[in-house]
Amino acid sequence: ENGQITYSSKDNYVLTLKYKGALEELSSMKKLEYSYETTASSGNKTED
């Protein structure tokens, strides 16, 4: 643009976490906390 090199980027992600056991094993769970970390970003989520 106007003789200048331009660069832009967009990204998105979906982190899907799945419990390997039976659903009944989670019946006493009151809170779930999970997080991830890449070299570029990190995030966390808490579910009550």
All heavy atoms as atom14 arrays in JSON, in Angstrom:
{
  "sequence": "ENGQITYSSKDNYVLTLKYKGALEELSSMKKLEYSYETTASSGNKTED",
  "atom14_mask": [
    [1, 1, 1, 1, 1, 1, 1, 1, 1, 0, 0, 0, 0, 0],
    [1, 1, 1, 1, 1, 1, 1, 1, 0, 0, 0, 0, 0, 0],
    [1, 1, 1, 1, 0, 0, 0, 0, 0, 0, 0, 0, 0, 0],
    [1, 1, 1, 1, 1, 1, 1, 1, 1, 0, 0, 0, 0, 0],
    [1, 1, 1, 1, 1, 1, 1, 1, 0, 0, 0, 0, 0, 0],
    [1, 1, 1, 1, 1, 1, 1, 0, 0, 0, 0, 0, 0, 0],
    [1, 1, 1, 1, 1, 1, 1, 1, 1, 1, 1, 1, 0, 0],
    [1, 1, 1, 1, 1, 1, 0, 0, 0, 0, 0, 0, 0, 0],
    [1, 1, 1, 1, 1, 1, 0, 0, 0, 0, 0, 0, 0, 0],
    [1, 1, 1, 1, 1, 1, 1, 1, 1, 0, 0, 0, 0, 0],
    [1, 1, 1, 1, 1, 1, 1, 1, 0, 0, 0, 0, 0, 0],
    [1, 1, 1, 1, 1, 1, 1, 1, 0, 0, 0, 0, 0, 0],
    [1, 1, 1, 1, 1, 1, 1, 1, 1, 1, 1, 1, 0, 0],
    [1, 1, 1, 1, 1, 1, 1, 0, 0, 0, 0, 0, 0, 0],
    [1, 1, 1, 1, 1, 1, 1, 1, 0, 0, 0, 0, 0, 0],
    [1, 1, 1, 1, 1, 1, 1, 0, 0, 0, 0, 0, 0, 0],
    [1, 1, 1, 1, 1, 1, 1, 1, 0, 0, 0, 0, 0, 0],
    [1, 1, 1, 1, 1, 1, 1, 1, 1, 0, 0, 0, 0, 0],
    [1, 1, 1, 1, 1, 1, 1, 1, 1, 1, 1, 1, 0, 0],
    [1, 1, 1, 1, 1, 1, 1, 1, 1, 0, 0, 0, 0, 0],
    [1, 1, 1, 1, 0, 0, 0, 0, 0, 0, 0, 0, 0, 0],
    [1, 1, 1, 1, 1, 0, 0, 0, 0, 0, 0, 0, 0, 0],
    [1, 1, 1, 1, 1, 1, 1, 1, 0, 0, 0, 0, 0, 0],
    [1, 1, 1, 1, 1, 1, 1, 1, 1, 0, 0, 0, 0, 0],
    [1, 1, 1, 1, 1, 1, 1, 1, 1, 0, 0, 0, 0, 0],
    [1, 1, 1, 1, 1, 1, 1, 1, 0, 0, 0, 0, 0, 0],
    [1, 1, 1, 1, 1, 1, 0, 0, 0, 0, 0, 0, 0, 0],
    [1, 1, 1, 1, 1, 1, 0, 0, 0, 0, 0, 0, 0, 0],
    [1, 1, 1, 1, 1, 1, 1, 1, 0, 0, 0, 0, 0, 0],
    [1, 1, 1, 1, 1, 1, 1, 1, 1, 0, 0, 0, 0, 0],
    [1, 1, 1, 1, 1, 1, 1, 1, 1, 0, 0, 0, 0, 0],
    [1, 1, 1, 1, 1, 1, 1, 1, 0, 0, 0, 0, 0, 0],
    [1, 1, 1, 1, 1, 1, 1, 1, 1, 0, 0, 0, 0, 0],
    [1, 1, 1, 1, 1, 1, 1, 1, 1, 1, 1, 1, 0, 0],
    [1, 1, 1, 1, 1, 1, 0, 0, 0, 0, 0, 0, 0, 0],
    [1, 1, 1, 1, 1, 1, 1, 1, 1, 1, 1, 1, 0, 0],
    [1, 1, 1, 1, 1, 1, 1, 1, 1, 0, 0, 0, 0, 0],
    [1, 1, 1, 1, 1, 1, 1, 0, 0, 0, 0, 0, 0, 0],
    [1, 1, 1, 1, 1, 1, 1, 0, 0, 0, 0, 0, 0, 0],
    [1, 1, 1, 1, 1, 0, 0, 0, 0, 0, 0, 0, 0, 0],
    [1, 1, 1, 1, 1, 1, 0, 0, 0, 0, 0, 0, 0, 0],
    [1, 1, 1, 1, 1, 1, 0, 0, 0, 0, 0, 0, 0, 0],
    [1, 1, 1, 1, 0, 0, 0, 0, 0, 0, 0, 0, 0, 0],
    [1, 1, 1, 1, 1, 1, 1, 1, 0, 0, 0, 0, 0, 0],
    [1, 1, 1, 1, 1, 1, 1, 1, 1, 0, 0, 0, 0, 0],
    [1, 1, 1, 1, 1, 1, 1, 0, 0, 0, 0, 0, 0, 0],
    [1, 1, 1, 1, 1, 1, 1, 1, 1, 0, 0, 0, 0, 0],
    [1, 1, 1, 1, 1, 1, 1, 1, 0, 0, 0, 0, 0, 0]
  ],
  "atom14_positions": [
    [[0.85, -1.18, 0.0], [0.0, 0.0, 0.0], [0.89, 1.24, 0.0], [1.75, 1.38, 0.86], [-0.91, -0.01, 1.24], [-1.93, 1.11, 1.24], [-2.88, 0.99, 2.42], [-3.44, -0.12, 2.62], [-3.05, 2.0, 3.12], [0.0, 0.0, 0.0], [0.0, 0.0, 0.0], [0.0, 0.0, 0.0], [0.0, 0.0, 0.0], [0.0, 0.0, 0.0]],
    [[0.7, 2.1, -0.98], [1.5, 3.31, -1.11], [3.0, 3.0, -1.11], [3.8, 3.69, -0.48], [1.18, 4.32, 0.01], [-0.26, 4.78, -0.04], [-0.86, 4.91, -1.11], [-0.84, 5.02, 1.12], [0.0, 0.0, 0.0], [0.0, 0.0, 0.0], [0.0, 0.0, 0.0], [0.0, 0.0, 0.0], [0.0, 0.0, 0.0], [0.0, 0.0, 0.0]],
    [[3.37, 1.91, -1.78], [4.78, 1.54, -1.89], [5.33, 0.84, -0.66], [6.5, 0.49, -0.63], [0.0, 0.0, 0.0], [0.0, 0.0, 0.0], [0.0, 0.0, 0.0], [0.0, 0.0, 0.0], [0.0, 0.0, 0.0], [0.0, 0.0, 0.0], [0.0, 0.0, 0.0], [0.0, 0.0, 0.0], [0.0, 0.0, 0.0], [0.0, 0.0, 0.0]],
    [[4.53, 0.66, 0.36], [4.97, 0.02, 1.6], [4.42, -1.41, 1.68], [3.27, -1.66, 1.33], [4.45, 0.8, 2.82], [4.91, 2.25, 2.88], [6.37, 2.37, 3.22], [6.88, 1.63, 4.06], [7.07, 3.28, 2.57], [0.0, 0.0, 0.0], [0.0, 0.0, 0.0], [0.0, 0.0, 0.0], [0.0, 0.0, 0.0], [0.0, 0.0, 0.0]],
    [[5.24, -2.33, 2.16], [4.79, -3.69, 2.37], [3.89, -3.71, 3.6], [4.22, -3.12, 4.63], [5.98, -4.64, 2.57], [6.78, -4.74, 1.27], [5.52, -6.03, 3.03], [8.04, -5.55, 1.38], [0.0, 0.0, 0.0], [0.0, 0.0, 0.0], [0.0, 0.0, 0.0], [0.0, 0.0, 0.0], [0.0, 0.0, 0.0], [0.0, 0.0, 0.0]],
    [[2.76, -4.37, 3.47], [1.83, -4.48, 4.59], [1.7, -5.95, 4.99], [1.88, -6.85, 4.18], [0.44, -3.94, 4.23], [-0.09, -4.69, 3.13], [0.51, -2.46, 3.86], [0.0, 0.0, 0.0], [0.0, 0.0, 0.0], [0.0, 0.0, 0.0], [0.0, 0.0, 0.0], [0.0, 0.0, 0.0], [0.0, 0.0, 0.0], [0.0, 0.0, 0.0]],
    [[1.38, -6.15, 6.24], [1.2, -7.5, 6.76], [0.14, -7.45, 7.85], [0.13, -6.55, 8.69], [2.52, -8.03, 7.36], [2.33, -9.32, 8.12], [2.27, -10.54, 7.45], [2.19, -9.32, 9.5], [2.08, -11.73, 8.14], [2.01, -10.51, 10.2], [1.95, -11.71, 9.51], [1.76, -12.88, 10.19], [0.0, 0.0, 0.0], [0.0, 0.0, 0.0]],
    [[-0.75, -8.41, 7.82], [-1.71, -8.56, 8.91], [-1.99, -10.05, 9.08], [-1.77, -10.85, 8.17], [-3.01, -7.8, 8.61], [-3.66, -8.34, 7.47], [0.0, 0.0, 0.0], [0.0, 0.0, 0.0], [0.0, 0.0, 0.0], [0.0, 0.0, 0.0], [0.0, 0.0, 0.0], [0.0, 0.0, 0.0], [0.0, 0.0, 0.0], [0.0, 0.0, 0.0]],
    [[-2.47, -10.39, 10.25], [-2.8, -11.78, 10.51], [-3.97, -11.86, 11.48], [-4.2, -10.94, 12.27], [-1.6, -12.54, 11.09], [-1.31, -12.07, 12.39], [0.0, 0.0, 0.0], [0.0, 0.0, 0.0], [0.0, 0.0, 0.0], [0.0, 0.0, 0.0], [0.0, 0.0, 0.0], [0.0, 0.0, 0.0], [0.0, 0.0, 0.0], [0.0, 0.0, 0.0]],
    [[-4.7, -12.95, 11.36], [-5.79, -13.26, 12.28], [-5.66, -14.73, 12.63], [-5.3, -15.55, 11.78], [-7.16, -13.04, 11.63], [-7.51, -11.6, 11.38], [-8.91, -11.48, 10.83], [-9.22, -10.02, 10.54], [-10.58, -9.84, 10.06], [0.0, 0.0, 0.0], [0.0, 0.0, 0.0], [0.0, 0.0, 0.0], [0.0, 0.0, 0.0], [0.0, 0.0, 0.0]],
    [[-5.92, -15.05, 13.88], [-5.9, -16.45, 14.25], [-7.03, -16.75, 15.22], [-7.61, -15.84, 15.82], [-4.55, -16.88, 14.84], [-4.23, -16.23, 16.17], [-5.08, -15.53, 16.75], [-3.11, -16.43, 16.66], [0.0, 0.0, 0.0], [0.0, 0.0, 0.0], [0.0, 0.0, 0.0], [0.0, 0.0, 0.0], [0.0, 0.0, 0.0], [0.0, 0.0, 0.0]],
    [[-7.37, -18.03, 15.31], [-8.35, -18.46, 16.3], [-8.03, -19.88, 16.71], [-7.33, -20.61, 16.02], [-9.79, -18.31, 15.8], [-10.05, -19.09, 14.53], [-9.87, -20.3, 14.48], [-10.47, -18.4, 13.48], [0.0, 0.0, 0.0], [0.0, 0.0, 0.0], [0.0, 0.0, 0.0], [0.0, 0.0, 0.0], [0.0, 0.0, 0.0], [0.0, 0.0, 0.0]],
    [[-8.53, -20.25, 17.87], [-8.28, -21.58, 18.4], [-9.52, -22.09, 19.13], [-10.37, -21.3, 19.57], [-7.09, -21.58, 19.37], [-7.42, -20.93, 20.69], [-7.94, -21.69, 21.74], [-7.26, -19.57, 20.88], [-8.27, -21.09, 22.95], [-7.59, -18.97, 22.07], [-8.1, -19.74, 23.11], [-8.45, -19.14, 24.29], [0.0, 0.0, 0.0], [0.0, 0.0, 0.0]],
    [[-9.61, -23.39, 19.25], [-10.61, -24.04, 20.08], [-9.87, -25.12, 20.87], [-9.19, -25.97, 20.28], [-11.75, -24.68, 19.26], [-12.7, -25.45, 20.16], [-12.48, -23.64, 18.43], [0.0, 0.0, 0.0], [0.0, 0.0, 0.0], [0.0, 0.0, 0.0], [0.0, 0.0, 0.0], [0.0, 0.0, 0.0], [0.0, 0.0, 0.0], [0.0, 0.0, 0.0]],
    [[-9.97, -25.08, 22.18], [-9.41, -26.11, 23.04], [-10.58, -26.94, 23.55], [-11.47, -26.43, 24.22], [-8.65, -25.52, 24.22], [-8.15, -26.52, 25.27], [-7.13, -27.49, 24.67], [-7.56, -25.8, 26.47], [0.0, 0.0, 0.0], [0.0, 0.0, 0.0], [0.0, 0.0, 0.0], [0.0, 0.0, 0.0], [0.0, 0.0, 0.0], [0.0, 0.0, 0.0]],
    [[-10.57, -28.23, 23.2], [-11.61, -29.15, 23.66], [-10.98, -30.14, 24.62], [-10.02, -30.82, 24.28], [-12.24, -29.9, 22.46], [-12.72, -28.94, 21.52], [-13.38, -30.79, 22.92], [0.0, 0.0, 0.0], [0.0, 0.0, 0.0], [0.0, 0.0, 0.0], [0.0, 0.0, 0.0], [0.0, 0.0, 0.0], [0.0, 0.0, 0.0], [0.0, 0.0, 0.0]],
    [[-11.54, -30.2, 25.8], [-11.06, -31.06, 26.86], [-12.13, -32.11, 27.13], [-13.31, -31.77, 27.27], [-10.81, -30.21, 28.1], [-10.18, -30.82, 29.32], [-8.76, -31.25, 29.01], [-10.19, -29.82, 30.46], [0.0, 0.0, 0.0], [0.0, 0.0, 0.0], [0.0, 0.0, 0.0], [0.0, 0.0, 0.0], [0.0, 0.0, 0.0], [0.0, 0.0, 0.0]],
    [[-11.74, -33.38, 27.19], [-12.72, -34.45, 27.38], [-12.28, -35.38, 28.5], [-11.13, -35.85, 28.51], [-12.9, -35.24, 26.09], [-13.99, -36.28, 26.17], [-14.19, -36.97, 24.84], [-15.27, -38.04, 24.96], [-15.41, -38.81, 23.72], [0.0, 0.0, 0.0], [0.0, 0.0, 0.0], [0.0, 0.0, 0.0], [0.0, 0.0, 0.0], [0.0, 0.0, 0.0]],
    [[-13.2, -35.63, 29.42], [-12.93, -36.58, 30.5], [-13.0, -37.99, 29.95], [-13.94, -38.34, 29.23], [-13.94, -36.38, 31.63], [-13.65, -37.22, 32.85], [-12.54, -36.94, 33.65], [-14.46, -38.29, 33.2], [-12.25, -37.71, 34.76], [-14.17, -39.06, 34.32], [-13.07, -38.77, 35.09], [-12.78, -39.53, 36.19], [0.0, 0.0, 0.0], [0.0, 0.0, 0.0]],
    [[-12.02, -38.83, 30.26], [-11.93, -40.16, 29.67], [-12.8, -41.2, 30.41], [-13.14, -42.23, 29.83], [-10.48, -40.63, 29.66], [-9.62, -39.83, 28.68], [-8.13, -39.98, 28.88], [-7.59, -41.34, 28.66], [-6.11, -41.38, 28.73], [0.0, 0.0, 0.0], [0.0, 0.0, 0.0], [0.0, 0.0, 0.0], [0.0, 0.0, 0.0], [0.0, 0.0, 0.0]],
    [[-13.16, -40.91, 31.64], [-13.96, -41.85, 32.42], [-15.45, -41.66, 32.19], [-15.89, -40.9, 31.32], [0.0, 0.0, 0.0], [0.0, 0.0, 0.0], [0.0, 0.0, 0.0], [0.0, 0.0, 0.0], [0.0, 0.0, 0.0], [0.0, 0.0, 0.0], [0.0, 0.0, 0.0], [0.0, 0.0, 0.0], [0.0, 0.0, 0.0], [0.0, 0.0, 0.0]],
    [[-16.24, -42.31, 33.03], [-17.7, -42.21, 32.95], [-18.17, -40.87, 33.51], [-17.56, -40.32, 34.43], [-18.34, -43.36, 33.73], [0.0, 0.0, 0.0], [0.0, 0.0, 0.0], [0.0, 0.0, 0.0], [0.0, 0.0, 0.0], [0.0, 0.0, 0.0], [0.0, 0.0, 0.0], [0.0, 0.0, 0.0], [0.0, 0.0, 0.0], [0.0, 0.0, 0.0]],
    [[-19.24, -40.35, 32.95], [-19.81, -39.07, 33.4], [-20.13, -39.11, 34.9], [-19.94, -38.11, 35.6], [-21.06, -38.74, 32.58], [-21.77, -37.43, 32.92], [-20.84, -36.23, 32.73], [-23.02, -37.28, 32.07], [0.0, 0.0, 0.0], [0.0, 0.0, 0.0], [0.0, 0.0, 0.0], [0.0, 0.0, 0.0], [0.0, 0.0, 0.0], [0.0, 0.0, 0.0]],
    [[-20.57, -40.25, 35.39], [-20.93, -40.39, 36.8], [-19.74, -40.09, 37.72], [-19.92, -39.68, 38.86], [-21.46, -41.81, 37.09], [-22.76, -42.14, 36.38], [-22.58, -42.47, 34.9], [-21.55, -43.07, 34.5], [-23.46, -42.07, 34.12], [0.0, 0.0, 0.0], [0.0, 0.0, 0.0], [0.0, 0.0, 0.0], [0.0, 0.0, 0.0], [0.0, 0.0, 0.0]],
    [[-18.53, -40.31, 37.22], [-17.33, -40.05, 38.03], [-17.15, -38.56, 38.3], [-16.41, -38.17, 39.21], [-16.09, -40.62, 37.34], [-16.09, -42.12, 37.24], [-14.93, -42.66, 36.43], [-13.92, -41.94, 36.23], [-15.01, -43.82, 35.99], [0.0, 0.0, 0.0], [0.0, 0.0, 0.0], [0.0, 0.0, 0.0], [0.0, 0.0, 0.0], [0.0, 0.0, 0.0]],
    [[-17.8, -37.7, 37.52], [-17.71, -36.26, 37.71], [-18.86, -35.72, 38.57], [-18.98, -34.52, 38.77], [-17.72, -35.54, 36.35], [-16.55, -35.85, 35.43], [-16.73, -35.12, 34.1], [-15.23, -35.47, 36.06], [0.0, 0.0, 0.0], [0.0, 0.0, 0.0], [0.0, 0.0, 0.0], [0.0, 0.0, 0.0], [0.0, 0.0, 0.0], [0.0, 0.0, 0.0]],
    [[-19.71, -36.6, 39.08], [-20.92, -36.16, 39.79], [-20.61, -35.35, 41.05], [-21.42, -34.49, 41.44], [-21.81, -37.35, 40.13], [-21.13, -38.22, 41.02], [0.0, 0.0, 0.0], [0.0, 0.0, 0.0], [0.0, 0.0, 0.0], [0.0, 0.0, 0.0], [0.0, 0.0, 0.0], [0.0, 0.0, 0.0], [0.0, 0.0, 0.0], [0.0, 0.0, 0.0]],
    [[-19.47, -35.56, 41.68], [-19.14, -34.79, 42.88], [-18.31, -33.54, 42.57], [-17.97, -32.77, 43.47], [-18.37, -35.68, 43.87], [-17.13, -36.06, 43.3], [0.0, 0.0, 0.0], [0.0, 0.0, 0.0], [0.0, 0.0, 0.0], [0.0, 0.0, 0.0], [0.0, 0.0, 0.0], [0.0, 0.0, 0.0], [0.0, 0.0, 0.0], [0.0, 0.0, 0.0]],
    [[-18.01, -33.32, 41.29], [-17.19, -32.17, 40.9], [-18.0, -30.87, 41.06], [-19.09, -30.74, 40.52], [-16.73, -32.31, 39.44], [-15.85, -31.17, 38.97], [-15.15, -31.43, 37.32], [-16.57, -31.14, 36.27], [0.0, 0.0, 0.0], [0.0, 0.0, 0.0], [0.0, 0.0, 0.0], [0.0, 0.0, 0.0], [0.0, 0.0, 0.0], [0.0, 0.0, 0.0]],
    [[-17.45, -29.94, 41.81], [-18.08, -28.64, 42.02], [-17.42, -27.54, 41.2], [-18.0, -26.51, 40.93], [-18.04, -28.25, 43.51], [-18.77, -29.2, 44.41], [-20.24, -29.18, 44.12], [-20.99, -30.11, 45.04], [-22.34, -30.37, 44.59], [0.0, 0.0, 0.0], [0.0, 0.0, 0.0], [0.0, 0.0, 0.0], [0.0, 0.0, 0.0], [0.0, 0.0, 0.0]],
    [[-16.15, -27.79, 40.81], [-15.41, -26.78, 40.06], [-14.43, -27.48, 39.13], [-13.82, -28.48, 39.5], [-14.64, -25.87, 41.01], [-13.85, -24.77, 40.3], [-12.99, -23.99, 41.26], [-13.8, -22.85, 41.83], [-12.96, -21.91, 42.6], [0.0, 0.0, 0.0], [0.0, 0.0, 0.0], [0.0, 0.0, 0.0], [0.0, 0.0, 0.0], [0.0, 0.0, 0.0]],
    [[-14.31, -26.94, 37.92], [-13.33, -27.41, 36.96], [-12.49, -26.22, 36.54], [-13.04, -25.19, 36.14], [-14.01, -28.03, 35.73], [-13.1, -28.41, 34.56], [-12.16, -29.55, 34.97], [-13.91, -28.81, 33.34], [0.0, 0.0, 0.0], [0.0, 0.0, 0.0], [0.0, 0.0, 0.0], [0.0, 0.0, 0.0], [0.0, 0.0, 0.0], [0.0, 0.0, 0.0]],
    [[-11.18, -26.35, 36.66], [-10.26, -25.3, 36.22], [-9.3, -25.92, 35.21], [-8.73, -26.97, 35.5], [-9.45, -24.75, 37.39], [-10.27, -24.09, 38.47], [-9.39, -23.65, 39.62], [-8.51, -22.79, 39.4], [-9.58, -24.18, 40.73], [0.0, 0.0, 0.0], [0.0, 0.0, 0.0], [0.0, 0.0, 0.0], [0.0, 0.0, 0.0], [0.0, 0.0, 0.0]],
    [[-9.15, -25.28, 34.07], [-8.16, -25.78, 33.12], [-7.49, -24.61, 32.43], [-8.05, -23.53, 32.3], [-8.75, -26.78, 32.12], [-9.96, -26.33, 31.33], [-9.83, -25.91, 30.02], [-11.23, -26.38, 31.89], [-10.95, -25.53, 29.28], [-12.34, -26.0, 31.15], [-12.2, -25.58, 29.86], [-13.3, -25.2, 29.13], [0.0, 0.0, 0.0], [0.0, 0.0, 0.0]],
    [[-6.24, -24.85, 32.04], [-5.46, -23.8, 31.42], [-4.58, -24.4, 30.33], [-4.34, -25.61, 30.3], [-4.58, -23.09, 32.46], [-3.69, -24.0, 33.04], [0.0, 0.0, 0.0], [0.0, 0.0, 0.0], [0.0, 0.0, 0.0], [0.0, 0.0, 0.0], [0.0, 0.0, 0.0], [0.0, 0.0, 0.0], [0.0, 0.0, 0.0], [0.0, 0.0, 0.0]],
    [[-4.11, -23.54, 29.44], [-3.18, -23.95, 28.38], [-2.12, -22.88, 28.25], [-2.33, -21.73, 28.64], [-3.9, -24.16, 27.04], [-4.31, -22.86, 26.41], [-3.47, -22.19, 25.53], [-5.52, -22.25, 26.73], [-3.82, -20.98, 24.97], [-5.88, -21.04, 26.18], [-5.03, -20.41, 25.3], [-5.37, -19.2, 24.76], [0.0, 0.0, 0.0], [0.0, 0.0, 0.0]],
    [[-0.98, -23.27, 27.69], [0.1, -22.31, 27.48], [0.86, -22.68, 26.21], [1.33, -23.79, 26.05], [1.05, -22.33, 28.67], [2.16, -21.31, 28.57], [3.06, -21.33, 29.79], [2.65, -21.81, 30.86], [4.2, -20.86, 29.65], [0.0, 0.0, 0.0], [0.0, 0.0, 0.0], [0.0, 0.0, 0.0], [0.0, 0.0, 0.0], [0.0, 0.0, 0.0]],
    [[0.94, -21.72, 25.29], [1.76, -21.85, 24.09], [2.9, -20.85, 24.25], [2.93, -20.08, 25.21], [0.97, -21.52, 22.8], [0.72, -20.1, 22.75], [-0.35, -22.27, 22.75], [0.0, 0.0, 0.0], [0.0, 0.0, 0.0], [0.0, 0.0, 0.0], [0.0, 0.0, 0.0], [0.0, 0.0, 0.0], [0.0, 0.0, 0.0], [0.0, 0.0, 0.0]],
    [[3.83, -20.82, 23.3], [4.88, -19.8, 23.39], [4.31, -18.42, 23.07], [4.88, -17.41, 23.47], [6.04, -20.1, 22.41], [5.51, -20.21, 21.1], [6.75, -21.38, 22.79], [0.0, 0.0, 0.0], [0.0, 0.0, 0.0], [0.0, 0.0, 0.0], [0.0, 0.0, 0.0], [0.0, 0.0, 0.0], [0.0, 0.0, 0.0], [0.0, 0.0, 0.0]],
    [[3.18, -18.38, 22.37], [2.59, -17.1, 21.96], [1.52, -16.59, 22.91], [1.29, -15.39, 23.01], [1.99, -17.24, 20.56], [0.0, 0.0, 0.0], [0.0, 0.0, 0.0], [0.0, 0.0, 0.0], [0.0, 0.0, 0.0], [0.0, 0.0, 0.0], [0.0, 0.0, 0.0], [0.0, 0.0, 0.0], [0.0, 0.0, 0.0], [0.0, 0.0, 0.0]],
    [[0.83, -17.49, 23.61], [-0.28, -17.06, 24.45], [-0.59, -18.1, 25.51], [-0.03, -19.19, 25.53], [-1.52, -16.81, 23.59], [-1.96, -18.04, 23.02], [0.0, 0.0, 0.0], [0.0, 0.0, 0.0], [0.0, 0.0, 0.0], [0.0, 0.0, 0.0], [0.0, 0.0, 0.0], [0.0, 0.0, 0.0], [0.0, 0.0, 0.0], [0.0, 0.0, 0.0]],
    [[-1.52, -17.74, 26.37], [-2.0, -18.66, 27.38], [-3.43, -18.28, 27.73], [-3.88, -17.18, 27.41], [-1.11, -18.62, 28.62], [-1.17, -17.34, 29.22], [0.0, 0.0, 0.0], [0.0, 0.0, 0.0], [0.0, 0.0, 0.0], [0.0, 0.0, 0.0], [0.0, 0.0, 0.0], [0.0, 0.0, 0.0], [0.0, 0.0, 0.0], [0.0, 0.0, 0.0]],
    [[-4.11, -19.17, 28.37], [-5.48, -18.88, 28.78], [-5.92, -19.88, 29.83], [-5.29, -20.91, 30.04], [0.0, 0.0, 0.0], [0.0, 0.0, 0.0], [0.0, 0.0, 0.0], [0.0, 0.0, 0.0], [0.0, 0.0, 0.0], [0.0, 0.0, 0.0], [0.0, 0.0, 0.0], [0.0, 0.0, 0.0], [0.0, 0.0, 0.0], [0.0, 0.0, 0.0]],
    [[-7.0, -19.53, 30.51], [-7.55, -20.44, 31.49], [-9.06, -20.24, 31.59], [-9.59, -19.22, 31.16], [-6.88, -20.25, 32.85], [-7.06, -18.85, 33.38], [-8.17, -18.35, 33.5], [-5.96, -18.19, 33.7], [0.0, 0.0, 0.0], [0.0, 0.0, 0.0], [0.0, 0.0, 0.0], [0.0, 0.0, 0.0], [0.0, 0.0, 0.0], [0.0, 0.0, 0.0]],
    [[-9.7, -21.24, 32.13], [-11.15, -21.18, 32.3], [-11.52, -21.9, 33.58], [-10.95, -22.94, 33.9], [-11.86, -21.81, 31.1], [-13.35, -21.61, 31.11], [-13.97, -22.02, 29.79], [-15.45, -21.69, 29.78], [-16.07, -22.07, 28.5], [0.0, 0.0, 0.0], [0.0, 0.0, 0.0], [0.0, 0.0, 0.0], [0.0, 0.0, 0.0], [0.0, 0.0, 0.0]],
    [[-12.48, -21.33, 34.3], [-13.0, -21.94, 35.51], [-14.51, -22.07, 35.35], [-15.18, -21.12, 34.96], [-12.68, -21.07, 36.75], [-11.27, -20.93, 36.85], [-13.23, -21.69, 38.02], [0.0, 0.0, 0.0], [0.0, 0.0, 0.0], [0.0, 0.0, 0.0], [0.0, 0.0, 0.0], [0.0, 0.0, 0.0], [0.0, 0.0, 0.0], [0.0, 0.0, 0.0]],
    [[-15.01, -23.27, 35.62], [-16.44, -23.52, 35.55], [-16.91, -24.06, 36.89], [-16.31, -24.99, 37.43], [-16.74, -24.52, 34.43], [-16.35, -24.03, 33.06], [-16.65, -25.02, 31.94], [-17.41, -25.98, 32.15], [-16.1, -24.84, 30.85], [0.0, 0.0, 0.0], [0.0, 0.0, 0.0], [0.0, 0.0, 0.0], [0.0, 0.0, 0.0], [0.0, 0.0, 0.0]],
    [[-17.97, -23.46, 37.43], [-18.55, -23.92, 38.69], [-19.76, -24.79, 38.39], [-20.53, -24.51, 37.46], [-18.95, -22.73, 39.55], [-17.74, -21.95, 40.04], [-16.8, -22.58, 40.54], [-17.73, -20.71, 39.89], [0.0, 0.0, 0.0], [0.0, 0.0, 0.0], [0.0, 0.0, 0.0], [0.0, 0.0, 0.0], [0.0, 0.0, 0.0], [0.0, 0.0, 0.0]]
  ]
}
